[in-house]
Amino acid sequence: QVQLVESGGGLVQTGGSLRLSCAASGRTANMGWFRQAPGKEREFVAGISWSGGSTYYADSVKGRFTISRDNAKNTAYLQMNSLKPEDTAVYYCASTRAIMVVTRSDSDYDYWGQGTQVTVSS
């Protein structure tokens, strides 16, 4: 069982930046970030393969967010720039057990963190 712990959330003004981190207790395969805003379903934000060679973004964040990972530290990151009020949500880190094509489906991810709140003020 791998535990994931997110950090780096907070309150930021429109146009600002935040970097989220996700520390894993062990080795992981693909890693992804999802988010859930109040009253809405959880949605995919970004995913990255084990090697870091493949990344996949939701259209709503493409060009503004960057996912990366440091396997030596068992940590994934989500750099969020040009933040908008509609980015306000609880952000969750997730990982798969198996190496596979990076997907946006939350059912493909086996481990989940507890979430970190990101609030973007207008």
N, C-alpha and C. Protein backbone atom coordinates (compact mmCIF):
# COMPACT_ATOMS: atom_id res chain seq x y z
N GLN A 1 0.83 -1.19 0.00
CA GLN A 1 0.00 0.00 0.00
C GLN A 1 0.88 1.25 0.00
N VAL A 2 0.69 2.12 -0.96
CA VAL A 2 1.44 3.36 -1.06
C VAL A 2 0.60 4.51 -0.52
N GLN A 3 1.19 5.31 0.31
CA GLN A 3 0.50 6.50 0.83
C GLN A 3 0.99 7.73 0.08
N LEU A 4 0.06 8.61 -0.23
CA LEU A 4 0.37 9.84 -0.94
C LEU A 4 -0.02 11.03 -0.07
N VAL A 5 0.86 12.00 0.03
CA VAL A 5 0.60 13.18 0.85
C VAL A 5 0.84 14.43 0.01
N GLU A 6 -0.22 15.21 -0.18
CA GLU A 6 -0.11 16.45 -0.95
C GLU A 6 0.26 17.61 -0.03
N SER A 7 0.89 18.61 -0.62
CA SER A 7 1.18 19.85 0.08
C SER A 7 1.30 20.97 -0.94
N GLY A 8 1.28 22.20 -0.44
CA GLY A 8 1.50 23.34 -1.33
C GLY A 8 0.26 24.13 -1.68
N GLY A 9 -0.91 23.67 -1.24
CA GLY A 9 -2.13 24.42 -1.54
C GLY A 9 -2.18 25.71 -0.74
N GLY A 10 -3.16 26.55 -1.07
CA GLY A 10 -3.31 27.80 -0.34
C GLY A 10 -4.19 28.77 -1.08
N LEU A 11 -4.13 30.02 -0.63
CA LEU A 11 -4.92 31.10 -1.23
C LEU A 11 -4.02 31.97 -2.09
N VAL A 12 -4.45 32.24 -3.31
CA VAL A 12 -3.65 33.05 -4.23
C VAL A 12 -4.60 33.93 -5.05
N GLN A 13 -4.09 35.05 -5.51
CA GLN A 13 -4.91 35.93 -6.33
C GLN A 13 -4.92 35.47 -7.78
N THR A 14 -5.92 35.90 -8.50
CA THR A 14 -6.00 35.61 -9.93
C THR A 14 -4.70 36.03 -10.62
N GLY A 15 -4.19 35.12 -11.44
CA GLY A 15 -2.94 35.37 -12.14
C GLY A 15 -1.72 34.88 -11.40
N GLY A 16 -1.89 34.46 -10.18
CA GLY A 16 -0.77 33.99 -9.37
C GLY A 16 -0.39 32.55 -9.67
N SER A 17 0.57 32.06 -8.89
CA SER A 17 1.10 30.72 -9.09
C SER A 17 1.17 29.96 -7.78
N LEU A 18 1.08 28.65 -7.89
CA LEU A 18 1.30 27.75 -6.77
C LEU A 18 1.96 26.49 -7.31
N ARG A 19 2.72 25.83 -6.45
CA ARG A 19 3.28 24.53 -6.81
C ARG A 19 2.84 23.51 -5.79
N LEU A 20 2.13 22.50 -6.25
CA LEU A 20 1.71 21.41 -5.40
C LEU A 20 2.74 20.29 -5.45
N SER A 21 2.91 19.62 -4.32
CA SER A 21 3.80 18.47 -4.24
C SER A 21 3.01 17.27 -3.76
N CYS A 22 3.44 16.10 -4.20
CA CYS A 22 2.82 14.85 -3.77
C CYS A 22 3.93 13.88 -3.44
N ALA A 23 4.09 13.59 -2.17
CA ALA A 23 5.13 12.68 -1.72
C ALA A 23 4.55 11.30 -1.52
N ALA A 24 5.18 10.32 -2.15
CA ALA A 24 4.72 8.93 -2.05
C ALA A 24 5.60 8.16 -1.07
N SER A 25 5.00 7.21 -0.37
CA SER A 25 5.74 6.43 0.63
C SER A 25 6.55 5.32 -0.01
N GLY A 26 6.29 5.07 -1.31
CA GLY A 26 7.01 4.04 -2.02
C GLY A 26 7.00 4.33 -3.51
N ARG A 27 7.51 3.37 -4.26
CA ARG A 27 7.56 3.58 -5.71
C ARG A 27 6.16 3.56 -6.30
N THR A 28 5.96 4.39 -7.28
CA THR A 28 4.68 4.46 -7.97
C THR A 28 4.92 4.35 -9.48
N ALA A 29 3.89 4.05 -10.21
CA ALA A 29 3.97 4.00 -11.67
C ALA A 29 3.51 5.37 -12.19
N ASN A 30 2.39 5.41 -12.91
CA ASN A 30 1.89 6.72 -13.36
C ASN A 30 1.40 7.53 -12.17
N MET A 31 1.49 8.84 -12.30
CA MET A 31 0.93 9.72 -11.27
C MET A 31 0.03 10.75 -11.93
N GLY A 32 -0.96 11.17 -11.19
CA GLY A 32 -1.90 12.13 -11.75
C GLY A 32 -2.40 13.10 -10.70
N TRP A 33 -2.93 14.19 -11.19
CA TRP A 33 -3.59 15.17 -10.33
C TRP A 33 -5.04 15.31 -10.79
N PHE A 34 -5.92 15.31 -9.82
CA PHE A 34 -7.35 15.52 -10.06
C PHE A 34 -7.80 16.66 -9.16
N ARG A 35 -8.97 17.20 -9.44
CA ARG A 35 -9.50 18.25 -8.56
C ARG A 35 -11.01 18.12 -8.47
N GLN A 36 -11.54 18.64 -7.37
CA GLN A 36 -12.98 18.63 -7.16
C GLN A 36 -13.41 19.95 -6.54
N ALA A 37 -14.23 20.67 -7.27
CA ALA A 37 -14.79 21.93 -6.79
C ALA A 37 -16.11 21.64 -6.07
N PRO A 38 -16.53 22.53 -5.18
CA PRO A 38 -17.78 22.32 -4.47
C PRO A 38 -18.96 22.11 -5.42
N GLY A 39 -19.72 21.06 -5.20
CA GLY A 39 -20.90 20.79 -6.01
C GLY A 39 -20.61 20.20 -7.37
N LYS A 40 -19.34 19.90 -7.63
CA LYS A 40 -18.98 19.35 -8.94
C LYS A 40 -18.32 17.99 -8.78
N GLU A 41 -18.28 17.24 -9.87
CA GLU A 41 -17.61 15.95 -9.84
C GLU A 41 -16.10 16.14 -9.91
N ARG A 42 -15.40 15.15 -9.41
CA ARG A 42 -13.94 15.17 -9.51
C ARG A 42 -13.54 15.09 -10.99
N GLU A 43 -12.53 15.89 -11.35
CA GLU A 43 -12.09 15.90 -12.75
C GLU A 43 -10.58 15.75 -12.85
N PHE A 44 -10.16 15.19 -13.95
CA PHE A 44 -8.75 15.01 -14.24
C PHE A 44 -8.11 16.35 -14.54
N VAL A 45 -6.88 16.52 -14.06
CA VAL A 45 -6.12 17.74 -14.33
C VAL A 45 -4.89 17.44 -15.19
N ALA A 46 -4.08 16.50 -14.73
CA ALA A 46 -2.83 16.19 -15.44
C ALA A 46 -2.33 14.83 -15.01
N GLY A 47 -1.59 14.17 -15.90
CA GLY A 47 -1.00 12.88 -15.59
C GLY A 47 0.39 12.77 -16.18
N ILE A 48 1.21 11.90 -15.59
CA ILE A 48 2.58 11.72 -16.04
C ILE A 48 2.96 10.26 -15.92
N SER A 49 3.69 9.77 -16.89
CA SER A 49 4.13 8.38 -16.88
C SER A 49 5.25 8.17 -15.86
N TRP A 50 5.57 6.90 -15.62
CA TRP A 50 6.61 6.57 -14.63
C TRP A 50 7.93 7.22 -15.00
N SER A 51 8.27 7.20 -16.27
CA SER A 51 9.56 7.75 -16.72
C SER A 51 9.53 9.27 -16.79
N GLY A 52 8.33 9.84 -16.79
CA GLY A 52 8.23 11.29 -16.98
C GLY A 52 8.21 11.68 -18.44
N GLY A 53 8.33 10.70 -19.32
CA GLY A 53 8.42 11.00 -20.73
C GLY A 53 7.09 11.33 -21.40
N SER A 54 6.00 10.95 -20.75
CA SER A 54 4.66 11.23 -21.30
C SER A 54 3.85 12.01 -20.29
N THR A 55 3.23 13.06 -20.76
CA THR A 55 2.34 13.86 -19.92
C THR A 55 1.02 14.08 -20.65
N TYR A 56 -0.01 14.38 -19.89
CA TYR A 56 -1.35 14.51 -20.45
C TYR A 56 -2.09 15.53 -19.59
N TYR A 57 -2.73 16.49 -20.25
CA TYR A 57 -3.38 17.58 -19.53
C TYR A 57 -4.84 17.73 -19.95
N ALA A 58 -5.64 18.18 -19.02
CA ALA A 58 -6.99 18.59 -19.37
C ALA A 58 -6.90 19.87 -20.19
N ASP A 59 -7.82 20.04 -21.11
CA ASP A 59 -7.79 21.22 -21.96
C ASP A 59 -7.86 22.51 -21.15
N SER A 60 -8.54 22.45 -20.02
CA SER A 60 -8.75 23.66 -19.22
C SER A 60 -7.47 24.18 -18.56
N VAL A 61 -6.44 23.34 -18.47
CA VAL A 61 -5.21 23.76 -17.80
C VAL A 61 -4.01 23.74 -18.73
N LYS A 62 -4.19 23.25 -19.94
CA LYS A 62 -3.08 23.14 -20.89
C LYS A 62 -2.45 24.51 -21.13
N GLY A 63 -1.14 24.57 -21.04
CA GLY A 63 -0.43 25.82 -21.23
C GLY A 63 -0.24 26.63 -19.95
N ARG A 64 -0.96 26.27 -18.91
CA ARG A 64 -0.84 26.98 -17.62
C ARG A 64 -0.25 26.10 -16.53
N PHE A 65 -0.56 24.82 -16.55
CA PHE A 65 -0.08 23.88 -15.53
C PHE A 65 0.98 22.97 -16.13
N THR A 66 1.92 22.56 -15.29
CA THR A 66 2.96 21.62 -15.69
C THR A 66 3.12 20.55 -14.63
N ILE A 67 3.00 19.30 -15.04
CA ILE A 67 3.22 18.17 -14.13
C ILE A 67 4.64 17.65 -14.33
N SER A 68 5.27 17.27 -13.24
CA SER A 68 6.62 16.71 -13.31
C SER A 68 6.79 15.74 -12.15
N ARG A 69 7.91 15.04 -12.15
CA ARG A 69 8.17 14.10 -11.06
C ARG A 69 9.66 13.94 -10.85
N ASP A 70 10.00 13.54 -9.64
CA ASP A 70 11.39 13.23 -9.27
C ASP A 70 11.34 11.85 -8.64
N ASN A 71 11.69 10.83 -9.41
CA ASN A 71 11.58 9.46 -8.91
C ASN A 71 12.57 9.18 -7.77
N ALA A 72 13.65 9.88 -7.73
CA ALA A 72 14.61 9.69 -6.63
C ALA A 72 13.99 10.11 -5.30
N LYS A 73 13.05 11.02 -5.36
CA LYS A 73 12.37 11.50 -4.16
C LYS A 73 10.96 10.95 -4.03
N ASN A 74 10.55 10.10 -4.98
CA ASN A 74 9.17 9.57 -4.97
C ASN A 74 8.15 10.70 -4.86
N THR A 75 8.37 11.76 -5.60
CA THR A 75 7.53 12.95 -5.49
C THR A 75 7.11 13.43 -6.87
N ALA A 76 5.84 13.84 -6.95
CA ALA A 76 5.32 14.47 -8.16
C ALA A 76 4.95 15.91 -7.83
N TYR A 77 4.95 16.74 -8.86
CA TYR A 77 4.67 18.16 -8.68
C TYR A 77 3.63 18.62 -9.70
N LEU A 78 2.93 19.66 -9.32
CA LEU A 78 2.04 20.34 -10.26
C LEU A 78 2.29 21.83 -10.13
N GLN A 79 2.98 22.39 -11.12
CA GLN A 79 3.21 23.83 -11.16
C GLN A 79 2.02 24.49 -11.83
N MET A 80 1.37 25.39 -11.11
CA MET A 80 0.16 26.04 -11.60
C MET A 80 0.41 27.53 -11.76
N ASN A 81 0.35 28.00 -12.98
CA ASN A 81 0.56 29.42 -13.29
C ASN A 81 -0.72 30.03 -13.85
N SER A 82 -0.77 31.33 -13.86
CA SER A 82 -1.93 32.06 -14.41
C SER A 82 -3.23 31.52 -13.85
N LEU A 83 -3.27 31.39 -12.55
CA LEU A 83 -4.43 30.79 -11.91
C LEU A 83 -5.68 31.65 -12.07
N LYS A 84 -6.81 30.98 -12.18
CA LYS A 84 -8.10 31.61 -12.37
C LYS A 84 -9.04 31.20 -11.23
N PRO A 85 -10.06 31.98 -10.95
CA PRO A 85 -11.01 31.58 -9.90
C PRO A 85 -11.61 30.20 -10.14
N GLU A 86 -11.80 29.83 -11.41
CA GLU A 86 -12.38 28.53 -11.70
C GLU A 86 -11.43 27.37 -11.43
N ASP A 87 -10.19 27.67 -11.07
CA ASP A 87 -9.24 26.62 -10.65
C ASP A 87 -9.42 26.28 -9.16
N THR A 88 -10.25 27.03 -8.47
CA THR A 88 -10.49 26.77 -7.05
C THR A 88 -11.11 25.39 -6.86
N ALA A 89 -10.46 24.57 -6.03
CA ALA A 89 -10.90 23.19 -5.81
C ALA A 89 -9.99 22.54 -4.78
N VAL A 90 -10.39 21.36 -4.37
CA VAL A 90 -9.47 20.48 -3.63
C VAL A 90 -8.73 19.66 -4.68
N TYR A 91 -7.42 19.69 -4.59
CA TYR A 91 -6.58 18.97 -5.55
C TYR A 91 -6.07 17.67 -4.92
N TYR A 92 -6.24 16.58 -5.66
CA TYR A 92 -5.85 15.26 -5.20
C TYR A 92 -4.74 14.69 -6.08
N CYS A 93 -3.80 14.05 -5.43
CA CYS A 93 -2.77 13.32 -6.12
C CYS A 93 -3.19 11.85 -6.17
N ALA A 94 -2.84 11.17 -7.26
CA ALA A 94 -3.17 9.76 -7.39
C ALA A 94 -2.06 9.05 -8.13
N SER A 95 -1.97 7.74 -7.93
CA SER A 95 -0.96 6.96 -8.64
C SER A 95 -1.52 5.60 -9.02
N THR A 96 -0.90 5.01 -10.02
CA THR A 96 -1.27 3.65 -10.42
C THR A 96 -0.23 2.68 -9.90
N ARG A 97 -0.61 1.42 -9.76
CA ARG A 97 0.35 0.38 -9.38
C ARG A 97 1.14 -0.06 -10.60
N ALA A 98 0.46 -0.15 -11.72
CA ALA A 98 1.07 -0.71 -12.92
C ALA A 98 1.50 0.40 -13.87
N ILE A 99 2.57 0.12 -14.59
CA ILE A 99 2.99 1.03 -15.65
C ILE A 99 2.03 0.84 -16.82
N MET A 100 1.49 1.93 -17.30
CA MET A 100 0.46 1.86 -18.34
C MET A 100 0.44 3.19 -19.08
N VAL A 101 -0.37 3.26 -20.10
CA VAL A 101 -0.56 4.52 -20.80
C VAL A 101 -1.21 5.51 -19.83
N VAL A 102 -0.75 6.73 -19.86
CA VAL A 102 -1.32 7.75 -18.97
C VAL A 102 -2.77 7.99 -19.37
N THR A 103 -3.66 7.88 -18.39
CA THR A 103 -5.08 8.07 -18.69
C THR A 103 -5.67 9.15 -17.81
N ARG A 104 -6.87 9.59 -18.16
CA ARG A 104 -7.58 10.60 -17.40
C ARG A 104 -8.67 9.98 -16.54
N SER A 105 -8.82 8.67 -16.60
CA SER A 105 -9.89 8.00 -15.86
C SER A 105 -9.47 7.73 -14.42
N ASP A 106 -10.25 8.23 -13.47
CA ASP A 106 -9.86 8.03 -12.08
C ASP A 106 -9.94 6.57 -11.66
N SER A 107 -10.69 5.77 -12.39
CA SER A 107 -10.77 4.35 -12.04
C SER A 107 -9.47 3.60 -12.32
N ASP A 108 -8.59 4.19 -13.10
CA ASP A 108 -7.29 3.56 -13.40
C ASP A 108 -6.26 3.80 -12.30
N TYR A 109 -6.55 4.69 -11.38
CA TYR A 109 -5.60 5.05 -10.33
C TYR A 109 -5.94 4.28 -9.05
N ASP A 110 -4.89 3.74 -8.43
CA ASP A 110 -5.08 2.84 -7.29
C ASP A 110 -4.92 3.52 -5.94
N TYR A 111 -4.08 4.52 -5.86
CA TYR A 111 -3.79 5.18 -4.59
C TYR A 111 -4.13 6.66 -4.70
N TRP A 112 -4.64 7.21 -3.59
CA TRP A 112 -5.08 8.60 -3.57
C TRP A 112 -4.59 9.31 -2.30
N GLY A 113 -4.27 10.57 -2.45
CA GLY A 113 -3.95 11.38 -1.29
C GLY A 113 -5.21 11.96 -0.66
N GLN A 114 -5.00 12.73 0.40
CA GLN A 114 -6.13 13.27 1.14
C GLN A 114 -6.62 14.59 0.57
N GLY A 115 -5.85 15.19 -0.30
CA GLY A 115 -6.26 16.42 -0.96
C GLY A 115 -5.70 17.67 -0.30
N THR A 116 -5.52 18.71 -1.10
CA THR A 116 -5.07 20.00 -0.61
C THR A 116 -5.91 21.09 -1.27
N GLN A 117 -6.32 22.07 -0.49
CA GLN A 117 -7.23 23.10 -0.99
C GLN A 117 -6.46 24.18 -1.74
N VAL A 118 -6.94 24.52 -2.91
CA VAL A 118 -6.42 25.65 -3.68
C VAL A 118 -7.57 26.63 -3.87
N THR A 119 -7.37 27.86 -3.45
CA THR A 119 -8.39 28.88 -3.59
C THR A 119 -7.80 30.07 -4.34
N VAL A 120 -8.46 30.45 -5.43
CA VAL A 120 -8.00 31.56 -6.25
C VAL A 120 -9.02 32.68 -6.12
N SER A 121 -8.59 33.81 -5.58
CA SER A 121 -9.50 34.93 -5.37
C SER A 121 -9.50 35.85 -6.59
N SER A 122 -10.67 36.43 -6.85
CA SER A 122 -10.80 37.32 -8.02
C SER A 122 -10.49 38.76 -7.66
